[in-house]
Amino acid sequence: YADRQGPAEYNKLLARQRAEAVKQFLVELGVPDPSVKVAAVGPDGAICDEPSRECQQLNRRVHVEIRKLTHAAATSVRAVSAEGRESVRDTNDQP
């Protein structure tokens, strides 16, 4: 998403770049690249239409939707703790 300031095409591009940055972050955390889908909405998805700075900041956002995989589709997940320790877990295993 993007705010309504500036040209519409620029805002659409900015929304795409914002979404791609989040995708890259998720991939770096271990989410498989093909499983992350990106869509850019631009200013059309505004949640606030007032011209105030605070309102426009609300429109500069990314929406992340997480869907549960079927048991057969789940494989493994790589996790990195805040301390930098990495672990890999087979999602088909019970916790």
PDB file of N, CA and C in Angstrom:
ATOM      1  N   TYR A   1       0.838  -1.179   0.000  1.00  0.00           N
ATOM      2  CA  TYR A   1       0.000   0.000   0.000  1.00  0.00           C
ATOM      3  C   TYR A   1       0.880   1.239   0.000  1.00  0.00           C
ATOM      4  N   ALA A   2       0.299   2.351  -0.377  1.00  0.00           N
ATOM      5  CA  ALA A   2       0.991   3.638  -0.365  1.00  0.00           C
ATOM      6  C   ALA A   2      -0.041   4.721  -0.071  1.00  0.00           C
ATOM      7  N   ASP A   3       0.452   5.901   0.257  1.00  0.00           N
ATOM      8  CA  ASP A   3      -0.485   7.001   0.476  1.00  0.00           C
ATOM      9  C   ASP A   3      -0.870   7.620  -0.865  1.00  0.00           C
ATOM     10  N   ARG A   4      -1.692   8.645  -0.838  1.00  0.00           N
ATOM     11  CA  ARG A   4      -2.189   9.272  -2.068  1.00  0.00           C
ATOM     12  C   ARG A   4      -1.329  10.445  -2.537  1.00  0.00           C
ATOM     13  N   GLN A   5      -0.263  10.753  -1.829  1.00  0.00           N
ATOM     14  CA  GLN A   5       0.599  11.865  -2.220  1.00  0.00           C
ATOM     15  C   GLN A   5       1.451  11.453  -3.417  1.00  0.00           C
ATOM     16  N   GLY A   6       1.570  12.324  -4.384  1.00  0.00           N
ATOM     17  CA  GLY A   6       2.390  12.034  -5.555  1.00  0.00           C
ATOM     18  C   GLY A   6       1.625  11.309  -6.642  1.00  0.00           C
ATOM     19  N   PRO A   7       2.308  11.051  -7.769  1.00  0.00           N
ATOM     20  CA  PRO A   7       1.674  10.383  -8.914  1.00  0.00           C
ATOM     21  C   PRO A   7       1.260   8.939  -8.592  1.00  0.00           C
ATOM     22  N   ALA A   8       0.151   8.518  -9.141  1.00  0.00           N
ATOM     23  CA  ALA A   8      -0.383   7.175  -8.886  1.00  0.00           C
ATOM     24  C   ALA A   8       0.599   6.078  -9.299  1.00  0.00           C
ATOM     25  N   GLU A   9       1.245   6.238 -10.446  1.00  0.00           N
ATOM     26  CA  GLU A   9       2.193   5.216 -10.914  1.00  0.00           C
ATOM     27  C   GLU A   9       3.371   5.077  -9.958  1.00  0.00           C
ATOM     28  N   TYR A  10       3.863   6.199  -9.454  1.00  0.00           N
ATOM     29  CA  TYR A  10       4.966   6.169  -8.489  1.00  0.00           C
ATOM     30  C   TYR A  10       4.523   5.442  -7.218  1.00  0.00           C
ATOM     31  N   ASN A  11       3.323   5.738  -6.751  1.00  0.00           N
ATOM     32  CA  ASN A  11       2.824   5.105  -5.536  1.00  0.00           C
ATOM     33  C   ASN A  11       2.640   3.605  -5.714  1.00  0.00           C
ATOM     34  N   LYS A  12       2.212   3.191  -6.884  1.00  0.00           N
ATOM     35  CA  LYS A  12       2.065   1.759  -7.168  1.00  0.00           C
ATOM     36  C   LYS A  12       3.441   1.078  -7.141  1.00  0.00           C
ATOM     37  N   LEU A  13       4.443   1.735  -7.743  1.00  0.00           N
ATOM     38  CA  LEU A  13       5.807   1.208  -7.726  1.00  0.00           C
ATOM     39  C   LEU A  13       6.343   1.152  -6.296  1.00  0.00           C
ATOM     40  N   LEU A  14       6.100   2.194  -5.537  1.00  0.00           N
ATOM     41  CA  LEU A  14       6.544   2.241  -4.146  1.00  0.00           C
ATOM     42  C   LEU A  14       5.899   1.119  -3.331  1.00  0.00           C
ATOM     43  N   ALA A  15       4.625   0.878  -3.552  1.00  0.00           N
ATOM     44  CA  ALA A  15       3.929  -0.207  -2.855  1.00  0.00           C
ATOM     45  C   ALA A  15       4.544  -1.554  -3.222  1.00  0.00           C
ATOM     46  N   ARG A  16       4.886  -1.748  -4.479  1.00  0.00           N
ATOM     47  CA  ARG A  16       5.527  -2.995  -4.932  1.00  0.00           C
ATOM     48  C   ARG A  16       6.885  -3.166  -4.263  1.00  0.00           C
ATOM     49  N   GLN A  17       7.684  -2.084  -4.220  1.00  0.00           N
ATOM     50  CA  GLN A  17       9.001  -2.153  -3.590  1.00  0.00           C
ATOM     51  C   GLN A  17       8.880  -2.463  -2.098  1.00  0.00           C
ATOM     52  N   ARG A  18       7.904  -1.877  -1.457  1.00  0.00           N
ATOM     53  CA  ARG A  18       7.662  -2.122  -0.033  1.00  0.00           C
ATOM     54  C   ARG A  18       7.317  -3.604   0.185  1.00  0.00           C
ATOM     55  N   ALA A  19       6.456  -4.147  -0.647  1.00  0.00           N
ATOM     56  CA  ALA A  19       6.066  -5.556  -0.528  1.00  0.00           C
ATOM     57  C   ALA A  19       7.243  -6.486  -0.819  1.00  0.00           C
ATOM     58  N   GLU A  20       8.046  -6.153  -1.821  1.00  0.00           N
ATOM     59  CA  GLU A  20       9.214  -6.973  -2.163  1.00  0.00           C
ATOM     60  C   GLU A  20      10.235  -6.971  -1.027  1.00  0.00           C
ATOM     61  N   ALA A  21      10.385  -5.850  -0.328  1.00  0.00           N
ATOM     62  CA  ALA A  21      11.309  -5.772   0.810  1.00  0.00           C
ATOM     63  C   ALA A  21      10.854  -6.704   1.932  1.00  0.00           C
ATOM     64  N   VAL A  22       9.553  -6.756   2.174  1.00  0.00           N
ATOM     65  CA  VAL A  22       9.026  -7.650   3.203  1.00  0.00           C
ATOM     66  C   VAL A  22       9.202  -9.100   2.769  1.00  0.00           C
ATOM     67  N   LYS A  23       8.968  -9.385   1.497  1.00  0.00           N
ATOM     68  CA  LYS A  23       9.169 -10.741   0.987  1.00  0.00           C
ATOM     69  C   LYS A  23      10.618 -11.166   1.184  1.00  0.00           C
ATOM     70  N   GLN A  24      11.553 -10.295   0.837  1.00  0.00           N
ATOM     71  CA  GLN A  24      12.974 -10.607   0.989  1.00  0.00           C
ATOM     72  C   GLN A  24      13.306 -10.905   2.450  1.00  0.00           C
ATOM     73  N   PHE A  25      12.746 -10.127   3.354  1.00  0.00           N
ATOM     74  CA  PHE A  25      12.959 -10.345   4.784  1.00  0.00           C
ATOM     75  C   PHE A  25      12.448 -11.726   5.199  1.00  0.00           C
ATOM     76  N   LEU A  26      11.260 -12.086   4.751  1.00  0.00           N
ATOM     77  CA  LEU A  26      10.691 -13.394   5.086  1.00  0.00           C
ATOM     78  C   LEU A  26      11.534 -14.530   4.513  1.00  0.00           C
ATOM     79  N   VAL A  27      12.024 -14.355   3.295  1.00  0.00           N
ATOM     80  CA  VAL A  27      12.876 -15.370   2.665  1.00  0.00           C
ATOM     81  C   VAL A  27      14.178 -15.518   3.455  1.00  0.00           C
ATOM     82  N   GLU A  28      14.747 -14.401   3.891  1.00  0.00           N
ATOM     83  CA  GLU A  28      15.971 -14.457   4.695  1.00  0.00           C
ATOM     84  C   GLU A  28      15.740 -15.169   6.026  1.00  0.00           C
ATOM     85  N   LEU A  29      14.517 -15.139   6.524  1.00  0.00           N
ATOM     86  CA  LEU A  29      14.177 -15.849   7.758  1.00  0.00           C
ATOM     87  C   LEU A  29      13.927 -17.332   7.523  1.00  0.00           C
ATOM     88  N   GLY A  30      13.886 -17.750   6.256  1.00  0.00           N
ATOM     89  CA  GLY A  30      13.719 -19.160   5.944  1.00  0.00           C
ATOM     90  C   GLY A  30      12.415 -19.545   5.287  1.00  0.00           C
ATOM     91  N   VAL A  31      11.556 -18.593   5.027  1.00  0.00           N
ATOM     92  CA  VAL A  31      10.313 -18.903   4.321  1.00  0.00           C
ATOM     93  C   VAL A  31      10.673 -19.172   2.859  1.00  0.00           C
ATOM     94  N   PRO A  32      10.252 -20.295   2.287  1.00  0.00           N
ATOM     95  CA  PRO A  32      10.598 -20.599   0.894  1.00  0.00           C
ATOM     96  C   PRO A  32      10.092 -19.510  -0.062  1.00  0.00           C
ATOM     97  N   ASP A  33      10.974 -19.023  -0.905  1.00  0.00           N
ATOM     98  CA  ASP A  33      10.655 -17.935  -1.836  1.00  0.00           C
ATOM     99  C   ASP A  33       9.376 -18.177  -2.629  1.00  0.00           C
ATOM    100  N   PRO A  34       9.178 -19.383  -3.217  1.00  0.00           N
ATOM    101  CA  PRO A  34       7.960 -19.590  -4.014  1.00  0.00           C
ATOM    102  C   PRO A  34       6.664 -19.523  -3.206  1.00  0.00           C
ATOM    103  N   SER A  35       6.758 -19.659  -1.896  1.00  0.00           N
ATOM    104  CA  SER A  35       5.533 -19.646  -1.097  1.00  0.00           C
ATOM    105  C   SER A  35       5.103 -18.242  -0.681  1.00  0.00           C
ATOM    106  N   VAL A  36       5.906 -17.231  -1.007  1.00  0.00           N
ATOM    107  CA  VAL A  36       5.561 -15.849  -0.657  1.00  0.00           C
ATOM    108  C   VAL A  36       5.047 -15.145  -1.905  1.00  0.00           C
ATOM    109  N   LYS A  37       3.808 -14.758  -1.879  1.00  0.00           N
ATOM    110  CA  LYS A  37       3.183 -14.058  -3.011  1.00  0.00           C
ATOM    111  C   LYS A  37       3.133 -12.570  -2.702  1.00  0.00           C
ATOM    112  N   VAL A  38       3.386 -11.750  -3.708  1.00  0.00           N
ATOM    113  CA  VAL A  38       3.409 -10.296  -3.536  1.00  0.00           C
ATOM    114  C   VAL A  38       2.363  -9.665  -4.440  1.00  0.00           C
ATOM    115  N   ALA A  39       1.621  -8.728  -3.888  1.00  0.00           N
ATOM    116  CA  ALA A  39       0.659  -7.943  -4.664  1.00  0.00           C
ATOM    117  C   ALA A  39       0.784  -6.495  -4.217  1.00  0.00           C
ATOM    118  N   ALA A  40       0.815  -5.582  -5.161  1.00  0.00           N
ATOM    119  CA  ALA A  40       0.903  -4.157  -4.843  1.00  0.00           C
ATOM    120  C   ALA A  40      -0.448  -3.505  -5.093  1.00  0.00           C
ATOM    121  N   VAL A  41      -0.953  -2.818  -4.094  1.00  0.00           N
ATOM    122  CA  VAL A  41      -2.251  -2.167  -4.204  1.00  0.00           C
ATOM    123  C   VAL A  41      -2.092  -0.677  -4.450  1.00  0.00           C
ATOM    124  N   GLY A  42      -1.060  -0.072  -3.896  1.00  0.00           N
ATOM    125  CA  GLY A  42      -0.873   1.369  -4.047  1.00  0.00           C
ATOM    126  C   GLY A  42      -1.861   2.140  -3.204  1.00  0.00           C
ATOM    127  N   PRO A  43      -2.226   3.343  -3.627  1.00  0.00           N
ATOM    128  CA  PRO A  43      -3.113   4.182  -2.821  1.00  0.00           C
ATOM    129  C   PRO A  43      -4.581   3.747  -2.858  1.00  0.00           C
ATOM    130  N   ASP A  44      -4.936   2.812  -3.724  1.00  0.00           N
ATOM    131  CA  ASP A  44      -6.334   2.379  -3.821  1.00  0.00           C
ATOM    132  C   ASP A  44      -6.834   1.703  -2.552  1.00  0.00           C
ATOM    133  N   GLY A  45      -5.939   1.206  -1.737  1.00  0.00           N
ATOM    134  CA  GLY A  45      -6.335   0.526  -0.511  1.00  0.00           C
ATOM    135  C   GLY A  45      -6.223   1.403   0.721  1.00  0.00           C
ATOM    136  N   ALA A  46      -6.338   2.702   0.536  1.00  0.00           N
ATOM    137  CA  ALA A  46      -6.187   3.638   1.656  1.00  0.00           C
ATOM    138  C   ALA A  46      -7.175   3.335   2.773  1.00  0.00           C
ATOM    139  N   ILE A  47      -6.677   3.385   4.001  1.00  0.00           N
ATOM    140  CA  ILE A  47      -7.562   3.198   5.153  1.00  0.00           C
ATOM    141  C   ILE A  47      -7.908   4.536   5.803  1.00  0.00           C
ATOM    142  N   CYS A  48      -7.261   5.597   5.333  1.00  0.00           N
ATOM    143  CA  CYS A  48      -7.511   6.928   5.871  1.00  0.00           C
ATOM    144  C   CYS A  48      -7.408   7.926   4.720  1.00  0.00           C
ATOM    145  N   ASP A  49      -8.413   8.780   4.555  1.00  0.00           N
ATOM    146  CA  ASP A  49      -8.435   9.717   3.428  1.00  0.00           C
ATOM    147  C   ASP A  49      -8.140  11.160   3.807  1.00  0.00           C
ATOM    148  N   GLU A  50      -7.904  11.433   5.063  1.00  0.00           N
ATOM    149  CA  GLU A  50      -7.608  12.801   5.478  1.00  0.00           C
ATOM    150  C   GLU A  50      -6.215  13.203   4.993  1.00  0.00           C
ATOM    151  N   PRO A  51      -5.984  14.484   4.729  1.00  0.00           N
ATOM    152  CA  PRO A  51      -4.675  14.917   4.235  1.00  0.00           C
ATOM    153  C   PRO A  51      -3.610  15.047   5.327  1.00  0.00           C
ATOM    154  N   SER A  52      -3.958  14.770   6.578  1.00  0.00           N
ATOM    155  CA  SER A  52      -2.991  14.943   7.669  1.00  0.00           C
ATOM    156  C   SER A  52      -1.829  13.955   7.534  1.00  0.00           C
ATOM    157  N   ARG A  53      -0.698  14.348   8.095  1.00  0.00           N
ATOM    158  CA  ARG A  53       0.498  13.506   8.055  1.00  0.00           C
ATOM    159  C   ARG A  53       0.239  12.163   8.743  1.00  0.00           C
ATOM    160  N   GLU A  54      -0.415  12.210   9.889  1.00  0.00           N
ATOM    161  CA  GLU A  54      -0.698  10.989  10.645  1.00  0.00           C
ATOM    162  C   GLU A  54      -1.569  10.026   9.840  1.00  0.00           C
ATOM    163  N   CYS A  55      -2.549  10.569   9.164  1.00  0.00           N
ATOM    164  CA  CYS A  55      -3.448   9.748   8.355  1.00  0.00           C
ATOM    165  C   CYS A  55      -2.686   9.113   7.190  1.00  0.00           C
ATOM    166  N   GLN A  56      -1.892   9.894   6.495  1.00  0.00           N
ATOM    167  CA  GLN A  56      -1.149   9.378   5.351  1.00  0.00           C
ATOM    168  C   GLN A  56      -0.152   8.297   5.769  1.00  0.00           C
ATOM    169  N   GLN A  57       0.421   8.434   6.967  1.00  0.00           N
ATOM    170  CA  GLN A  57       1.353   7.416   7.455  1.00  0.00           C
ATOM    171  C   GLN A  57       0.660   6.066   7.627  1.00  0.00           C
ATOM    172  N   LEU A  58      -0.612   6.085   7.984  1.00  0.00           N
ATOM    173  CA  LEU A  58      -1.364   4.835   8.137  1.00  0.00           C
ATOM    174  C   LEU A  58      -1.503   4.088   6.810  1.00  0.00           C
ATOM    175  N   ASN A  59      -1.458   4.821   5.709  1.00  0.00           N
ATOM    176  CA  ASN A  59      -1.613   4.204   4.389  1.00  0.00           C
ATOM    177  C   ASN A  59      -0.305   3.631   3.845  1.00  0.00           C
ATOM    178  N   ARG A  60       0.807   3.942   4.470  1.00  0.00           N
ATOM    179  CA  ARG A  60       2.115   3.405   4.060  1.00  0.00           C
ATOM    180  C   ARG A  60       2.361   2.131   4.852  1.00  0.00           C
ATOM    181  N   ARG A  61       1.847   1.030   4.332  1.00  0.00           N
ATOM    182  CA  ARG A  61       1.882  -0.207   5.105  1.00  0.00           C
ATOM    183  C   ARG A  61       1.985  -1.427   4.196  1.00  0.00           C
ATOM    184  N   VAL A  62       2.198  -2.564   4.835  1.00  0.00           N
ATOM    185  CA  VAL A  62       2.207  -3.856   4.156  1.00  0.00           C
ATOM    186  C   VAL A  62       1.253  -4.767   4.916  1.00  0.00           C
ATOM    187  N   HIS A  63       0.435  -5.476   4.201  1.00  0.00           N
ATOM    188  CA  HIS A  63      -0.491  -6.447   4.790  1.00  0.00           C
ATOM    189  C   HIS A  63       0.113  -7.828   4.572  1.00  0.00           C
ATOM    190  N   VAL A  64       0.286  -8.572   5.651  1.00  0.00           N
ATOM    191  CA  VAL A  64       0.825  -9.927   5.557  1.00  0.00           C
ATOM    192  C   VAL A  64      -0.274 -10.896   5.961  1.00  0.00           C
ATOM    193  N   GLU A  65      -0.537 -11.847   5.096  1.00  0.00           N
ATOM    194  CA  GLU A  65      -1.543 -12.872   5.368  1.00  0.00           C
ATOM    195  C   GLU A  65      -0.839 -14.215   5.417  1.00  0.00           C
ATOM    196  N   ILE A  66      -1.031 -14.930   6.505  1.00  0.00           N
ATOM    197  CA  ILE A  66      -0.389 -16.234   6.675  1.00  0.00           C
ATOM    198  C   ILE A  66      -1.469 -17.300   6.635  1.00  0.00           C
ATOM    199  N   ARG A  67      -1.244 -18.279   5.786  1.00  0.00           N
ATOM    200  CA  ARG A  67      -2.208 -19.370   5.649  1.00  0.00           C
ATOM    201  C   ARG A  67      -1.552 -20.671   6.078  1.00  0.00           C
ATOM    202  N   LYS A  68      -2.308 -21.491   6.770  1.00  0.00           N
ATOM    203  CA  LYS A  68      -1.803 -22.775   7.228  1.00  0.00           C
ATOM    204  C   LYS A  68      -1.692 -23.734   6.045  1.00  0.00           C
ATOM    205  N   LEU A  69      -0.541 -24.393   5.947  1.00  0.00           N
ATOM    206  CA  LEU A  69      -0.338 -25.380   4.894  1.00  0.00           C
ATOM    207  C   LEU A  69      -1.033 -26.680   5.267  1.00  0.00           C
ATOM    208  N   THR A  70      -1.396 -27.445   4.256  1.00  0.00           N
ATOM    209  CA  THR A  70      -1.917 -28.782   4.532  1.00  0.00           C
ATOM    210  C   THR A  70      -0.776 -29.635   5.056  1.00  0.00           C
ATOM    211  N   HIS A  71      -1.096 -30.683   5.760  1.00  0.00           N
ATOM    212  CA  HIS A  71      -0.080 -31.550   6.360  1.00  0.00           C
ATOM    213  C   HIS A  71       0.895 -32.066   5.302  1.00  0.00           C
ATOM    214  N   ALA A  72       0.407 -32.438   4.144  1.00  0.00           N
ATOM    215  CA  ALA A  72       1.262 -32.983   3.092  1.00  0.00           C
ATOM    216  C   ALA A  72       2.190 -31.926   2.503  1.00  0.00           C
ATOM    217  N   ALA A  73       1.777 -30.676   2.508  1.00  0.00           N
ATOM    218  CA  ALA A  73       2.584 -29.624   1.900  1.00  0.00           C
ATOM    219  C   ALA A  73       3.670 -29.106   2.825  1.00  0.00           C
ATOM    220  N   ALA A  74       3.526 -29.303   4.119  1.00  0.00           N
ATOM    221  CA  ALA A  74       4.497 -28.782   5.075  1.00  0.00           C
ATOM    222  C   ALA A  74       5.799 -29.565   4.982  1.00  0.00           C
ATOM    223  N   THR A  75       6.907 -28.853   5.090  1.00  0.00           N
ATOM    224  CA  THR A  75       8.210 -29.522   5.048  1.00  0.00           C
ATOM    225  C   THR A  75       9.029 -29.125   6.266  1.00  0.00           C
ATOM    226  N   SER A  76       9.865 -28.112   6.127  1.00  0.00           N
ATOM    227  CA  SER A  76      10.666 -27.692   7.267  1.00  0.00           C
ATOM    228  C   SER A  76      10.703 -26.180   7.348  1.00  0.00           C
ATOM    229  N   VAL A  77      10.975 -25.704   8.552  1.00  0.00           N
ATOM    230  CA  VAL A  77      11.027 -24.272   8.801  1.00  0.00           C
ATOM    231  C   VAL A  77      12.351 -23.962   9.473  1.00  0.00           C
ATOM    232  N   ARG A  78      13.042 -22.941   8.982  1.00  0.00           N
ATOM    233  CA  ARG A  78      14.284 -22.486   9.587  1.00  0.00           C
ATOM    234  C   ARG A  78      13.947 -21.295  10.466  1.00  0.00           C
ATOM    235  N   ALA A  79      14.400 -21.325  11.694  1.00  0.00           N
ATOM    236  CA  ALA A  79      14.134 -20.222  12.612  1.00  0.00           C
ATOM    237  C   ALA A  79      15.450 -19.672  13.129  1.00  0.00           C
ATOM    238  N   VAL A  80      15.508 -18.360  13.289  1.00  0.00           N
ATOM    239  CA  VAL A  80      16.678 -17.705  13.854  1.00  0.00           C
ATOM    240  C   VAL A  80      16.211 -16.938  15.078  1.00  0.00           C
ATOM    241  N   SER A  81      16.816 -17.242  16.220  1.00  0.00           N
ATOM    242  CA  SER A  81      16.421 -16.568  17.456  1.00  0.00           C
ATOM    243  C   SER A  81      17.002 -15.162  17.491  1.00  0.00           C
ATOM    244  N   ALA A  82      16.535 -14.369  18.432  1.00  0.00           N
ATOM    245  CA  ALA A  82      17.044 -13.009  18.595  1.00  0.00           C
ATOM    246  C   ALA A  82      18.537 -13.023  18.902  1.00  0.00           C
ATOM    247  N   GLU A  83      19.033 -14.106  19.499  1.00  0.00           N
ATOM    248  CA  GLU A  83      20.458 -14.216  19.814  1.00  0.00           C
ATOM    249  C   GLU A  83      21.272 -14.702  18.621  1.00  0.00           C
ATOM    250  N   GLY A  84      20.626 -15.004  17.507  1.00  0.00           N
ATOM    251  CA  GLY A  84      21.326 -15.441  16.309  1.00  0.00           C
ATOM    252  C   GLY A  84      21.455 -16.946  16.179  1.00  0.00           C
ATOM    253  N   ARG A  85      20.866 -17.716  17.097  1.00  0.00           N
ATOM    254  CA  ARG A  85      20.917 -19.174  16.984  1.00  0.00           C
ATOM    255  C   ARG A  85      19.907 -19.639  15.945  1.00  0.00           C
ATOM    256  N   GLU A  86      20.332 -20.576  15.129  1.00  0.00           N
ATOM    257  CA  GLU A  86      19.469 -21.071  14.052  1.00  0.00           C
ATOM    258  C   GLU A  86      19.001 -22.482  14.373  1.00  0.00           C
ATOM    259  N   SER A  87      17.761 -22.787  14.044  1.00  0.00           N
ATOM    260  CA  SER A  87      17.246 -24.139  14.211  1.00  0.00           C
ATOM    261  C   SER A  87      16.352 -24.469  13.024  1.00  0.00           C
ATOM    262  N   VAL A  88      16.306 -25.747  12.675  1.00  0.00           N
ATOM    263  CA  VAL A  88      15.449 -26.212  11.588  1.00  0.00           C
ATOM    264  C   VAL A  88      14.531 -27.272  12.166  1.00  0.00           C
ATOM    265  N   ARG A  89      13.246 -27.155  11.875  1.00  0.00           N
ATOM    266  CA  ARG A  89      12.260 -28.090  12.410  1.00  0.00           C
ATOM    267  C   ARG A  89      11.407 -28.614  11.270  1.00  0.00           C
ATOM    268  N   ASP A  90      11.206 -29.920  11.250  1.00  0.00           N
ATOM    269  CA  ASP A  90      10.305 -30.535  10.278  1.00  0.00           C
ATOM    270  C   ASP A  90       8.888 -30.256  10.747  1.00  0.00           C
ATOM    271  N   THR A  91       8.121 -29.569   9.939  1.00  0.00           N
ATOM    272  CA  THR A  91       6.769 -29.192  10.347  1.00  0.00           C
ATOM    273  C   THR A  91       5.815 -30.379  10.352  1.00  0.00           C
ATOM    274  N   ASN A  92       6.251 -31.522   9.838  1.00  0.00           N
ATOM    275  CA  ASN A  92       5.411 -32.712   9.900  1.00  0.00           C
ATOM    276  C   ASN A  92       5.547 -33.414  11.246  1.00  0.00           C
ATOM    277  N   ASP A  93       6.593 -33.058  12.029  1.00  0.00           N
ATOM    278  CA  ASP A  93       6.766 -33.618  13.367  1.00  0.00           C
ATOM    279  C   ASP A  93       5.804 -32.948  14.327  1.00  0.00           C
ATOM    280  N   GLN A  94       5.396 -33.685  15.327  1.00  0.00           N
ATOM    281  CA  GLN A  94       4.547 -33.106  16.362  1.00  0.00           C
ATOM    282  C   GLN A  94       5.423 -32.295  17.305  1.00  0.00           C
ATOM    283  N   PRO A  95       4.913 -31.178  17.878  1.00  0.00           N
ATOM    284  CA  PRO A  95       5.718 -30.343  18.785  1.00  0.00           C
ATOM    285  C   PRO A  95       6.064 -31.055  20.072  1.00  0.00           C
TER     286      PRO A  95
END
